[in-house]
Amino acid sequence: MSLAGFGRAELGAMLVGLRPKLYRYAARMAGSAIEGEDIVQEAVVKALAAYD
């Protein structure tokens, strides 16, 4: 997937759409829903910061 031509708003919208799947995956990998939420939140923050 290429991010060329994406603005921050489009990237944010894409991440919002992926969030439920990311939460489920991270929760399974971490063994805890709360840990999964923390992992995804940190990853999204880092992704948005790196995009800038």
PDB file of N, CA and C in Angstrom:
ATOM      1  N   MET A   1       0.850  -1.174   0.000  1.00  0.00           N
ATOM      2  CA  MET A   1       0.000   0.000   0.000  1.00  0.00           C
ATOM      3  C   MET A   1       0.892   1.233   0.000  1.00  0.00           C
ATOM      4  N   SER A   2       0.661   2.130  -0.898  1.00  0.00           N
ATOM      5  CA  SER A   2       1.443   3.351  -1.011  1.00  0.00           C
ATOM      6  C   SER A   2       0.714   4.498  -0.318  1.00  0.00           C
ATOM      7  N   LEU A   3       1.474   5.332   0.354  1.00  0.00           N
ATOM      8  CA  LEU A   3       0.891   6.501   1.017  1.00  0.00           C
ATOM      9  C   LEU A   3       1.099   7.764   0.197  1.00  0.00           C
ATOM     10  N   ALA A   4       1.643   7.616  -1.010  1.00  0.00           N
ATOM     11  CA  ALA A   4       1.856   8.773  -1.873  1.00  0.00           C
ATOM     12  C   ALA A   4       0.515   9.448  -2.155  1.00  0.00           C
ATOM     13  N   GLY A   5       0.471  10.734  -1.968  1.00  0.00           N
ATOM     14  CA  GLY A   5      -0.755  11.483  -2.214  1.00  0.00           C
ATOM     15  C   GLY A   5      -1.716  11.503  -1.034  1.00  0.00           C
ATOM     16  N   PHE A   6      -1.385  10.787   0.030  1.00  0.00           N
ATOM     17  CA  PHE A   6      -2.231  10.786   1.218  1.00  0.00           C
ATOM     18  C   PHE A   6      -1.902  12.011   2.052  1.00  0.00           C
ATOM     19  N   GLY A   7      -2.921  12.637   2.567  1.00  0.00           N
ATOM     20  CA  GLY A   7      -2.729  13.685   3.557  1.00  0.00           C
ATOM     21  C   GLY A   7      -2.895  13.068   4.936  1.00  0.00           C
ATOM     22  N   ARG A   8      -2.645  13.861   5.943  1.00  0.00           N
ATOM     23  CA  ARG A   8      -2.787  13.357   7.316  1.00  0.00           C
ATOM     24  C   ARG A   8      -4.220  12.901   7.588  1.00  0.00           C
ATOM     25  N   ALA A   9      -5.200  13.617   7.048  1.00  0.00           N
ATOM     26  CA  ALA A   9      -6.606  13.248   7.265  1.00  0.00           C
ATOM     27  C   ALA A   9      -6.917  11.893   6.645  1.00  0.00           C
ATOM     28  N   GLU A  10      -6.400  11.650   5.449  1.00  0.00           N
ATOM     29  CA  GLU A  10      -6.647  10.356   4.792  1.00  0.00           C
ATOM     30  C   GLU A  10      -5.963   9.223   5.547  1.00  0.00           C
ATOM     31  N   LEU A  11      -4.749   9.482   6.020  1.00  0.00           N
ATOM     32  CA  LEU A  11      -4.047   8.464   6.802  1.00  0.00           C
ATOM     33  C   LEU A  11      -4.812   8.169   8.091  1.00  0.00           C
ATOM     34  N   GLY A  12      -5.294   9.215   8.747  1.00  0.00           N
ATOM     35  CA  GLY A  12      -6.083   9.029   9.968  1.00  0.00           C
ATOM     36  C   GLY A  12      -7.345   8.235   9.714  1.00  0.00           C
ATOM     37  N   ALA A  13      -8.026   8.531   8.608  1.00  0.00           N
ATOM     38  CA  ALA A  13      -9.251   7.798   8.268  1.00  0.00           C
ATOM     39  C   ALA A  13      -8.948   6.334   7.991  1.00  0.00           C
ATOM     40  N   MET A  14      -7.838   6.066   7.317  1.00  0.00           N
ATOM     41  CA  MET A  14      -7.452   4.688   7.037  1.00  0.00           C
ATOM     42  C   MET A  14      -7.172   3.937   8.344  1.00  0.00           C
ATOM     43  N   LEU A  15      -6.463   4.591   9.259  1.00  0.00           N
ATOM     44  CA  LEU A  15      -6.146   3.947  10.534  1.00  0.00           C
ATOM     45  C   LEU A  15      -7.396   3.700  11.368  1.00  0.00           C
ATOM     46  N   VAL A  16      -8.348   4.623  11.328  1.00  0.00           N
ATOM     47  CA  VAL A  16      -9.611   4.428  12.049  1.00  0.00           C
ATOM     48  C   VAL A  16     -10.326   3.197  11.507  1.00  0.00           C
ATOM     49  N   GLY A  17     -10.319   3.025  10.201  1.00  0.00           N
ATOM     50  CA  GLY A  17     -10.961   1.863   9.596  1.00  0.00           C
ATOM     51  C   GLY A  17     -10.280   0.554   9.954  1.00  0.00           C
ATOM     52  N   LEU A  18      -8.967   0.600  10.149  1.00  0.00           N
ATOM     53  CA  LEU A  18      -8.205  -0.610  10.480  1.00  0.00           C
ATOM     54  C   LEU A  18      -8.171  -0.905  11.975  1.00  0.00           C
ATOM     55  N   ARG A  19      -8.538   0.075  12.782  1.00  0.00           N
ATOM     56  CA  ARG A  19      -8.386  -0.052  14.231  1.00  0.00           C
ATOM     57  C   ARG A  19      -9.025  -1.300  14.832  1.00  0.00           C
ATOM     58  N   PRO A  20     -10.258  -1.674  14.501  1.00  0.00           N
ATOM     59  CA  PRO A  20     -10.833  -2.878  15.118  1.00  0.00           C
ATOM     60  C   PRO A  20     -10.009  -4.141  14.850  1.00  0.00           C
ATOM     61  N   LYS A  21      -9.544  -4.303  13.633  1.00  0.00           N
ATOM     62  CA  LYS A  21      -8.716  -5.476  13.309  1.00  0.00           C
ATOM     63  C   LYS A  21      -7.384  -5.411  14.042  1.00  0.00           C
ATOM     64  N   LEU A  22      -6.799  -4.223  14.091  1.00  0.00           N
ATOM     65  CA  LEU A  22      -5.527  -4.068  14.795  1.00  0.00           C
ATOM     66  C   LEU A  22      -5.679  -4.371  16.280  1.00  0.00           C
ATOM     67  N   TYR A  23      -6.776  -3.894  16.901  1.00  0.00           N
ATOM     68  CA  TYR A  23      -7.019  -4.172  18.318  1.00  0.00           C
ATOM     69  C   TYR A  23      -7.143  -5.671  18.567  1.00  0.00           C
ATOM     70  N   ARG A  24      -7.927  -6.347  17.739  1.00  0.00           N
ATOM     71  CA  ARG A  24      -8.107  -7.792  17.936  1.00  0.00           C
ATOM     72  C   ARG A  24      -6.781  -8.533  17.807  1.00  0.00           C
ATOM     73  N   TYR A  25      -6.023  -8.182  16.785  1.00  0.00           N
ATOM     74  CA  TYR A  25      -4.734  -8.841  16.566  1.00  0.00           C
ATOM     75  C   TYR A  25      -3.788  -8.584  17.739  1.00  0.00           C
ATOM     76  N   ALA A  26      -3.663  -7.325  18.141  1.00  0.00           N
ATOM     77  CA  ALA A  26      -2.754  -6.972  19.228  1.00  0.00           C
ATOM     78  C   ALA A  26      -3.194  -7.603  20.545  1.00  0.00           C
ATOM     79  N   ALA A  27      -4.496  -7.667  20.792  1.00  0.00           N
ATOM     80  CA  ALA A  27      -4.996  -8.284  22.022  1.00  0.00           C
ATOM     81  C   ALA A  27      -4.660  -9.768  22.061  1.00  0.00           C
ATOM     82  N   ARG A  28      -4.814 -10.442  20.924  1.00  0.00           N
ATOM     83  CA  ARG A  28      -4.452 -11.866  20.869  1.00  0.00           C
ATOM     84  C   ARG A  28      -2.961 -12.059  21.105  1.00  0.00           C
ATOM     85  N   MET A  29      -2.157 -11.229  20.468  1.00  0.00           N
ATOM     86  CA  MET A  29      -0.705 -11.369  20.599  1.00  0.00           C
ATOM     87  C   MET A  29      -0.235 -11.042  22.020  1.00  0.00           C
ATOM     88  N   ALA A  30      -0.851 -10.035  22.642  1.00  0.00           N
ATOM     89  CA  ALA A  30      -0.442  -9.609  23.981  1.00  0.00           C
ATOM     90  C   ALA A  30      -1.091 -10.444  25.079  1.00  0.00           C
ATOM     91  N   GLY A  31      -2.203 -11.108  24.748  1.00  0.00           N
ATOM     92  CA  GLY A  31      -2.902 -11.896  25.752  1.00  0.00           C
ATOM     93  C   GLY A  31      -3.829 -11.075  26.631  1.00  0.00           C
ATOM     94  N   SER A  32      -4.056  -9.826  26.269  1.00  0.00           N
ATOM     95  CA  SER A  32      -4.896  -8.941  27.077  1.00  0.00           C
ATOM     96  C   SER A  32      -5.472  -7.849  26.182  1.00  0.00           C
ATOM     97  N   ALA A  33      -6.766  -7.592  26.339  1.00  0.00           N
ATOM     98  CA  ALA A  33      -7.404  -6.537  25.549  1.00  0.00           C
ATOM     99  C   ALA A  33      -6.821  -5.168  25.885  1.00  0.00           C
ATOM    100  N   ILE A  34      -6.559  -4.941  27.161  1.00  0.00           N
ATOM    101  CA  ILE A  34      -6.011  -3.646  27.579  1.00  0.00           C
ATOM    102  C   ILE A  34      -4.615  -3.440  27.005  1.00  0.00           C
ATOM    103  N   GLU A  35      -3.782  -4.476  27.072  1.00  0.00           N
ATOM    104  CA  GLU A  35      -2.440  -4.383  26.485  1.00  0.00           C
ATOM    105  C   GLU A  35      -2.532  -4.157  24.982  1.00  0.00           C
ATOM    106  N   GLY A  36      -3.469  -4.837  24.339  1.00  0.00           N
ATOM    107  CA  GLY A  36      -3.662  -4.675  22.897  1.00  0.00           C
ATOM    108  C   GLY A  36      -4.022  -3.247  22.537  1.00  0.00           C
ATOM    109  N   GLU A  37      -4.906  -2.641  23.324  1.00  0.00           N
ATOM    110  CA  GLU A  37      -5.286  -1.244  23.078  1.00  0.00           C
ATOM    111  C   GLU A  37      -4.080  -0.323  23.224  1.00  0.00           C
ATOM    112  N   ASP A  38      -3.273  -0.561  24.256  1.00  0.00           N
ATOM    113  CA  ASP A  38      -2.081   0.265  24.467  1.00  0.00           C
ATOM    114  C   ASP A  38      -1.100   0.136  23.303  1.00  0.00           C
ATOM    115  N   ILE A  39      -0.907  -1.088  22.843  1.00  0.00           N
ATOM    116  CA  ILE A  39       0.017  -1.334  21.731  1.00  0.00           C
ATOM    117  C   ILE A  39      -0.444  -0.605  20.477  1.00  0.00           C
ATOM    118  N   VAL A  40      -1.727  -0.724  20.166  1.00  0.00           N
ATOM    119  CA  VAL A  40      -2.254  -0.080  18.959  1.00  0.00           C
ATOM    120  C   VAL A  40      -2.179   1.433  19.090  1.00  0.00           C
ATOM    121  N   GLN A  41      -2.527   1.961  20.245  1.00  0.00           N
ATOM    122  CA  GLN A  41      -2.475   3.408  20.434  1.00  0.00           C
ATOM    123  C   GLN A  41      -1.052   3.925  20.231  1.00  0.00           C
ATOM    124  N   GLU A  42      -0.075   3.250  20.808  1.00  0.00           N
ATOM    125  CA  GLU A  42       1.315   3.671  20.646  1.00  0.00           C
ATOM    126  C   GLU A  42       1.749   3.586  19.187  1.00  0.00           C
ATOM    127  N   ALA A  43       1.340   2.536  18.502  1.00  0.00           N
ATOM    128  CA  ALA A  43       1.707   2.366  17.095  1.00  0.00           C
ATOM    129  C   ALA A  43       1.095   3.457  16.225  1.00  0.00           C
ATOM    130  N   VAL A  44      -0.158   3.810  16.485  1.00  0.00           N
ATOM    131  CA  VAL A  44      -0.825   4.852  15.695  1.00  0.00           C
ATOM    132  C   VAL A  44      -0.159   6.207  15.942  1.00  0.00           C
ATOM    133  N   VAL A  45       0.159   6.501  17.185  1.00  0.00           N
ATOM    134  CA  VAL A  45       0.834   7.767  17.505  1.00  0.00           C
ATOM    135  C   VAL A  45       2.178   7.832  16.785  1.00  0.00           C
ATOM    136  N   LYS A  46       2.937   6.737  16.814  1.00  0.00           N
ATOM    137  CA  LYS A  46       4.236   6.709  16.140  1.00  0.00           C
ATOM    138  C   LYS A  46       4.080   6.831  14.629  1.00  0.00           C
ATOM    139  N   ALA A  47       3.066   6.187  14.073  1.00  0.00           N
ATOM    140  CA  ALA A  47       2.842   6.258  12.623  1.00  0.00           C
ATOM    141  C   ALA A  47       2.512   7.679  12.200  1.00  0.00           C
ATOM    142  N   LEU A  48       1.644   8.343  12.953  1.00  0.00           N
ATOM    143  CA  LEU A  48       1.283   9.721  12.609  1.00  0.00           C
ATOM    144  C   LEU A  48       2.463  10.671  12.796  1.00  0.00           C
ATOM    145  N   ALA A  49       3.264  10.450  13.836  1.00  0.00           N
ATOM    146  CA  ALA A  49       4.438  11.297  14.059  1.00  0.00           C
ATOM    147  C   ALA A  49       5.466  11.101  12.946  1.00  0.00           C
ATOM    148  N   ALA A  50       5.654   9.870  12.521  1.00  0.00           N
ATOM    149  CA  ALA A  50       6.619   9.583  11.457  1.00  0.00           C
ATOM    150  C   ALA A  50       6.143  10.132  10.124  1.00  0.00           C
ATOM    151  N   TYR A  51       4.846  10.211   9.941  1.00  0.00           N
ATOM    152  CA  TYR A  51       4.289  10.711   8.687  1.00  0.00           C
ATOM    153  C   TYR A  51       4.574  12.196   8.515  1.00  0.00           C
ATOM    154  N   ASP A  52       4.569  12.916   9.641  1.00  0.00           N
ATOM    155  CA  ASP A  52       4.830  14.367   9.583  1.00  0.00           C
ATOM    156  C   ASP A  52       6.253  14.559   9.210  1.00  0.00           C
TER     157      ASP A  52
END
